[in-house]
Every structure is written in structure tokens, then in C-alpha cells.
């Protein structure tokens, strides 16, 4: 190895490791708060007027694949949880296939 290649080995290795920690998905999911969706125009209730002021909102949950970096950040964020993929019901799949 030349002096130049030895000098570049450590910075390039660190760069590759950091990039992998940010990009490569792990076999776990991050469960974190999503957005709050308004129910106006989506739900109708018969039999009377709404006398309560304000909006009716439904909170959502966001699921995404974790990376090493996001899993480490989840360890210090109380609103984010790590979940095994088998414990989360995929969209459109009946719950009896997942929850046993």
C-alpha cells in the first residue's frame, strides 16, 4: 500500500460504515406517531347537530423499516417503538393471520 492509500483507507471506511448505517434496512419496524386526520367530510352522523366546537381528528401510526441509525434514535425517543414484522398486521390482511 502506498502512503496515499493508507491515508485514505480510514476516512473512506468510516464513510462507508456511516452510509450503511443510514441506508441498509434492519429486519425490524419503527412504530411512530403519524399525522392527525380530520374526519370532516369522511364521517356523517345522523340525528342532530354537532354542538361541540372544534374538529374531530383520528391519530395515525407510521410504520417503516428501521436502519441502524433510526433504531439507535428510537432508543432515546419515548414516542418511537421497535416492532418485529410478525407482530404488525399488514394493510389488507385479516387480523386472525397475525394475532394468535
N, C-alpha and C. Protein backbone atom coordinates (compact mmCIF):
# COMPACT_ATOMS: atom_id res chain seq x y z
N UNK A 1 0.84 -1.19 0.00
CA UNK A 1 0.00 0.00 0.00
C UNK A 1 0.88 1.24 0.00
N UNK A 2 0.45 2.18 -0.74
CA UNK A 2 1.17 3.45 -0.76
C UNK A 2 0.71 4.30 0.42
N UNK A 3 1.45 5.35 0.65
CA UNK A 3 1.12 6.25 1.77
C UNK A 3 -0.24 6.91 1.54
N UNK A 4 -0.54 7.25 0.28
CA UNK A 4 -1.82 7.88 -0.02
C UNK A 4 -2.99 6.93 0.22
N UNK A 5 -2.86 5.68 -0.20
CA UNK A 5 -3.95 4.73 0.00
C UNK A 5 -4.15 4.41 1.48
N UNK A 6 -3.06 4.38 2.25
CA UNK A 6 -3.19 4.16 3.70
C UNK A 6 -3.87 5.36 4.36
N UNK A 7 -3.57 6.55 3.89
CA UNK A 7 -4.17 7.76 4.47
C UNK A 7 -5.66 7.85 4.15
N UNK A 8 -6.08 7.31 3.01
CA UNK A 8 -7.49 7.37 2.61
C UNK A 8 -8.31 6.20 3.13
N UNK A 9 -7.66 5.14 3.57
CA UNK A 9 -8.39 3.94 3.98
C UNK A 9 -9.35 4.21 5.13
N UNK A 10 -8.89 4.85 6.18
CA UNK A 10 -9.74 5.10 7.36
C UNK A 10 -10.91 6.04 7.04
N UNK A 11 -10.71 7.20 6.42
CA UNK A 11 -11.86 8.07 6.13
C UNK A 11 -12.88 7.42 5.20
N UNK A 12 -12.42 6.70 4.19
CA UNK A 12 -13.34 6.05 3.27
C UNK A 12 -14.10 4.93 3.99
N UNK A 13 -13.43 4.18 4.85
CA UNK A 13 -14.10 3.12 5.61
C UNK A 13 -15.17 3.68 6.52
N UNK A 14 -14.86 4.76 7.20
CA UNK A 14 -15.83 5.40 8.10
C UNK A 14 -17.03 5.90 7.29
N UNK A 15 -16.77 6.49 6.14
CA UNK A 15 -17.85 6.99 5.28
C UNK A 15 -18.76 5.86 4.83
N UNK A 16 -18.20 4.73 4.44
CA UNK A 16 -19.00 3.57 4.00
C UNK A 16 -19.83 3.02 5.16
N UNK A 17 -19.26 2.93 6.34
CA UNK A 17 -19.97 2.41 7.51
C UNK A 17 -21.11 3.35 7.91
N UNK A 18 -20.87 4.65 7.89
CA UNK A 18 -21.92 5.62 8.24
C UNK A 18 -23.05 5.57 7.21
N UNK A 19 -22.70 5.49 5.94
CA UNK A 19 -23.73 5.42 4.91
C UNK A 19 -24.55 4.15 5.05
N UNK A 20 -23.90 3.03 5.35
CA UNK A 20 -24.64 1.78 5.55
C UNK A 20 -25.58 1.88 6.74
N UNK A 21 -25.14 2.54 7.81
CA UNK A 21 -25.99 2.70 8.99
C UNK A 21 -27.22 3.55 8.70
N UNK A 22 -27.13 4.43 7.72
CA UNK A 22 -28.26 5.29 7.36
C UNK A 22 -29.18 4.69 6.32
N UNK A 23 -28.69 3.72 5.54
CA UNK A 23 -29.44 3.24 4.38
C UNK A 23 -29.90 1.79 4.49
N UNK A 24 -29.08 0.91 5.00
CA UNK A 24 -29.39 -0.53 5.00
C UNK A 24 -30.50 -0.83 6.01
N UNK A 25 -31.63 -1.40 5.55
CA UNK A 25 -32.74 -1.68 6.47
C UNK A 25 -32.46 -2.90 7.35
N UNK A 26 -32.96 -2.84 8.57
CA UNK A 26 -32.88 -3.95 9.51
C UNK A 26 -34.19 -4.73 9.47
N UNK A 27 -34.22 -5.94 9.98
CA UNK A 27 -35.47 -6.72 9.99
C UNK A 27 -36.40 -6.35 11.14
N UNK A 28 -36.51 -5.08 11.46
CA UNK A 28 -37.44 -4.58 12.47
C UNK A 28 -38.14 -3.34 11.91
N UNK A 29 -39.27 -3.02 12.50
CA UNK A 29 -40.06 -1.86 12.07
C UNK A 29 -40.05 -0.79 13.15
N UNK A 30 -40.08 0.46 12.72
CA UNK A 30 -40.26 1.58 13.63
C UNK A 30 -41.73 1.94 13.66
N UNK A 31 -42.29 2.03 14.84
CA UNK A 31 -43.67 2.46 15.01
C UNK A 31 -43.61 3.83 15.68
N UNK A 32 -44.10 4.84 14.96
CA UNK A 32 -44.02 6.19 15.48
C UNK A 32 -45.31 6.95 15.17
N UNK A 33 -45.56 8.04 15.89
CA UNK A 33 -46.77 8.80 15.64
C UNK A 33 -46.81 9.33 14.21
N UNK A 34 -47.99 9.24 13.62
CA UNK A 34 -48.20 9.78 12.28
C UNK A 34 -48.95 11.09 12.39
N UNK A 35 -49.63 11.43 11.33
CA UNK A 35 -50.38 12.68 11.34
C UNK A 35 -51.79 12.47 11.90
N UNK A 36 -52.45 13.56 12.22
CA UNK A 36 -53.84 13.52 12.68
C UNK A 36 -54.73 13.89 11.51
N UNK A 37 -55.62 12.97 11.14
CA UNK A 37 -56.50 13.18 10.00
C UNK A 37 -57.86 13.69 10.47
N UNK A 38 -58.35 14.72 9.81
CA UNK A 38 -59.65 15.27 10.14
C UNK A 38 -60.77 14.39 9.60
N UNK A 39 -61.84 14.26 10.34
CA UNK A 39 -62.98 13.43 9.93
C UNK A 39 -64.04 14.21 9.15
N UNK A 40 -63.90 15.51 9.06
CA UNK A 40 -64.88 16.31 8.34
C UNK A 40 -64.96 15.85 6.89
N UNK A 41 -66.16 15.56 6.44
CA UNK A 41 -66.36 15.10 5.08
C UNK A 41 -66.17 13.61 4.89
N UNK A 42 -65.71 12.90 5.91
CA UNK A 42 -65.49 11.46 5.81
C UNK A 42 -66.50 10.66 6.61
N UNK A 43 -67.04 11.29 7.64
CA UNK A 43 -67.99 10.62 8.53
C UNK A 43 -69.21 11.50 8.68
N UNK A 44 -70.39 10.89 8.56
CA UNK A 44 -71.62 11.62 8.81
C UNK A 44 -72.36 10.93 9.94
N UNK A 45 -72.96 11.74 10.78
CA UNK A 45 -73.72 11.23 11.91
C UNK A 45 -75.13 11.79 11.80
N UNK A 46 -76.10 10.90 11.77
CA UNK A 46 -77.48 11.35 11.67
C UNK A 46 -78.08 11.62 13.03
N UNK A 47 -79.12 12.40 13.03
CA UNK A 47 -79.86 12.60 14.26
C UNK A 47 -79.41 13.75 15.12
N UNK A 48 -79.12 14.86 14.55
CA UNK A 48 -78.80 16.00 15.39
C UNK A 48 -77.59 16.77 14.89
N UNK A 49 -77.49 17.96 15.40
CA UNK A 49 -76.39 18.84 15.01
C UNK A 49 -75.23 18.67 15.99
N UNK A 50 -74.07 18.96 15.50
CA UNK A 50 -72.86 18.92 16.34
C UNK A 50 -72.80 20.20 17.15
N UNK A 51 -72.86 20.08 18.46
CA UNK A 51 -72.85 21.26 19.32
C UNK A 51 -71.48 21.52 19.93
N UNK A 52 -70.53 20.64 19.64
CA UNK A 52 -69.18 20.79 20.19
C UNK A 52 -68.33 21.54 19.18
N UNK A 53 -67.63 22.56 19.63
CA UNK A 53 -66.75 23.30 18.74
C UNK A 53 -65.45 22.54 18.49
N UNK A 54 -64.80 22.83 17.39
CA UNK A 54 -63.52 22.21 17.09
C UNK A 54 -63.64 21.14 16.02
N UNK A 55 -62.58 20.37 15.86
CA UNK A 55 -62.51 19.33 14.84
C UNK A 55 -62.41 17.96 15.48
N UNK A 56 -62.92 16.96 14.78
CA UNK A 56 -62.73 15.57 15.18
C UNK A 56 -61.55 15.02 14.40
N UNK A 57 -60.54 14.55 15.10
CA UNK A 57 -59.32 14.05 14.46
C UNK A 57 -59.06 12.60 14.84
N UNK A 58 -58.48 11.86 13.91
CA UNK A 58 -58.09 10.48 14.16
C UNK A 58 -56.56 10.41 14.07
N UNK A 59 -55.90 9.99 15.14
CA UNK A 59 -54.44 9.87 15.06
C UNK A 59 -54.04 8.63 14.24
N UNK A 60 -52.95 8.72 13.54
CA UNK A 60 -52.45 7.59 12.76
C UNK A 60 -51.09 7.17 13.31
N UNK A 61 -50.67 5.99 12.89
CA UNK A 61 -49.37 5.44 13.28
C UNK A 61 -48.57 5.19 12.01
N UNK A 62 -47.34 5.62 12.01
CA UNK A 62 -46.47 5.41 10.85
C UNK A 62 -45.55 4.23 11.13
N UNK A 63 -45.48 3.31 10.17
CA UNK A 63 -44.57 2.17 10.26
C UNK A 63 -43.57 2.26 9.12
N UNK A 64 -42.31 2.03 9.43
CA UNK A 64 -41.28 1.98 8.39
C UNK A 64 -40.13 1.10 8.85
N UNK A 65 -39.36 0.63 7.90
CA UNK A 65 -38.21 -0.20 8.21
C UNK A 65 -37.17 0.61 8.96
N UNK A 66 -36.58 0.01 9.96
CA UNK A 66 -35.54 0.68 10.74
C UNK A 66 -34.18 0.47 10.10
N UNK A 67 -33.31 1.43 10.26
CA UNK A 67 -31.89 1.28 9.95
C UNK A 67 -31.14 1.32 11.28
N UNK A 68 -29.86 1.10 11.25
CA UNK A 68 -29.08 1.16 12.50
C UNK A 68 -29.23 2.55 13.13
N UNK A 69 -29.16 3.59 12.31
CA UNK A 69 -29.26 4.95 12.84
C UNK A 69 -30.64 5.25 13.42
N UNK A 70 -31.72 4.85 12.71
CA UNK A 70 -33.06 5.15 13.24
C UNK A 70 -33.40 4.27 14.43
N UNK A 71 -32.86 3.06 14.48
CA UNK A 71 -33.08 2.20 15.66
C UNK A 71 -32.37 2.77 16.88
N UNK A 72 -31.18 3.32 16.68
CA UNK A 72 -30.46 3.95 17.80
C UNK A 72 -31.22 5.19 18.28
N UNK A 73 -31.76 5.97 17.34
CA UNK A 73 -32.53 7.15 17.72
C UNK A 73 -33.82 6.75 18.44
N UNK A 74 -34.41 5.61 18.07
CA UNK A 74 -35.63 5.14 18.73
C UNK A 74 -35.36 4.75 20.18
N UNK A 75 -34.14 4.38 20.47
CA UNK A 75 -33.79 4.02 21.85
C UNK A 75 -33.87 5.18 22.82
N UNK A 76 -33.79 6.40 22.32
CA UNK A 76 -33.86 7.57 23.20
C UNK A 76 -35.15 8.37 23.03
N UNK A 77 -36.01 7.96 22.09
CA UNK A 77 -37.27 8.66 21.84
C UNK A 77 -38.42 7.81 22.40
N UNK A 78 -39.10 8.33 23.40
CA UNK A 78 -40.17 7.57 24.06
C UNK A 78 -41.38 7.36 23.16
N UNK A 79 -41.53 8.17 22.10
CA UNK A 79 -42.69 8.04 21.22
C UNK A 79 -42.49 7.04 20.09
N UNK A 80 -41.29 6.48 19.97
CA UNK A 80 -40.98 5.55 18.89
C UNK A 80 -40.69 4.19 19.49
N UNK A 81 -41.27 3.15 18.89
CA UNK A 81 -41.07 1.78 19.38
C UNK A 81 -40.55 0.91 18.24
N UNK A 82 -39.74 -0.07 18.59
CA UNK A 82 -39.28 -1.06 17.62
C UNK A 82 -40.20 -2.26 17.69
N UNK A 83 -40.63 -2.76 16.55
CA UNK A 83 -41.55 -3.90 16.49
C UNK A 83 -41.00 -4.94 15.52
N UNK A 84 -41.21 -6.20 15.85
CA UNK A 84 -40.88 -7.29 14.94
C UNK A 84 -41.94 -7.32 13.84
N UNK A 85 -41.55 -7.58 12.59
CA UNK A 85 -42.53 -7.57 11.49
C UNK A 85 -43.71 -8.51 11.70
N UNK A 86 -43.53 -9.64 12.37
CA UNK A 86 -44.62 -10.58 12.59
C UNK A 86 -45.67 -10.11 13.58
N UNK A 87 -45.39 -9.03 14.29
CA UNK A 87 -46.34 -8.53 15.29
C UNK A 87 -47.22 -7.40 14.75
N UNK A 88 -47.01 -7.02 13.51
CA UNK A 88 -47.77 -5.93 12.89
C UNK A 88 -48.58 -6.49 11.75
N UNK A 89 -49.87 -6.17 11.71
CA UNK A 89 -50.74 -6.67 10.66
C UNK A 89 -50.58 -5.82 9.40
N UNK A 90 -50.16 -6.43 8.30
CA UNK A 90 -50.04 -5.67 7.05
C UNK A 90 -51.40 -5.18 6.56
N UNK A 91 -51.41 -4.08 5.83
CA UNK A 91 -52.63 -3.49 5.31
C UNK A 91 -53.38 -4.52 4.46
N UNK A 92 -54.67 -4.70 4.75
CA UNK A 92 -55.50 -5.60 3.96
C UNK A 92 -55.49 -7.04 4.41
N UNK A 93 -54.66 -7.39 5.40
CA UNK A 93 -54.61 -8.77 5.85
C UNK A 93 -55.48 -8.93 7.10
N UNK A 94 -56.28 -10.00 7.16
CA UNK A 94 -57.13 -10.20 8.35
C UNK A 94 -56.29 -10.36 9.61
N UNK A 95 -56.80 -9.86 10.72
CA UNK A 95 -56.04 -9.90 11.97
C UNK A 95 -55.85 -11.33 12.48
N UNK A 96 -56.70 -12.26 12.13
CA UNK A 96 -56.56 -13.63 12.63
C UNK A 96 -55.29 -14.30 12.09
N UNK A 97 -54.73 -13.80 11.00
CA UNK A 97 -53.50 -14.38 10.46
C UNK A 97 -52.27 -13.92 11.24
N UNK A 98 -52.35 -12.77 11.89
CA UNK A 98 -51.20 -12.21 12.59
C UNK A 98 -51.31 -12.42 14.10
N UNK A 99 -52.45 -12.11 14.67
CA UNK A 99 -52.66 -12.19 16.12
C UNK A 99 -53.17 -13.57 16.48
N UNK A 100 -52.35 -14.36 17.09
CA UNK A 100 -52.75 -15.71 17.51
C UNK A 100 -52.61 -15.89 18.98
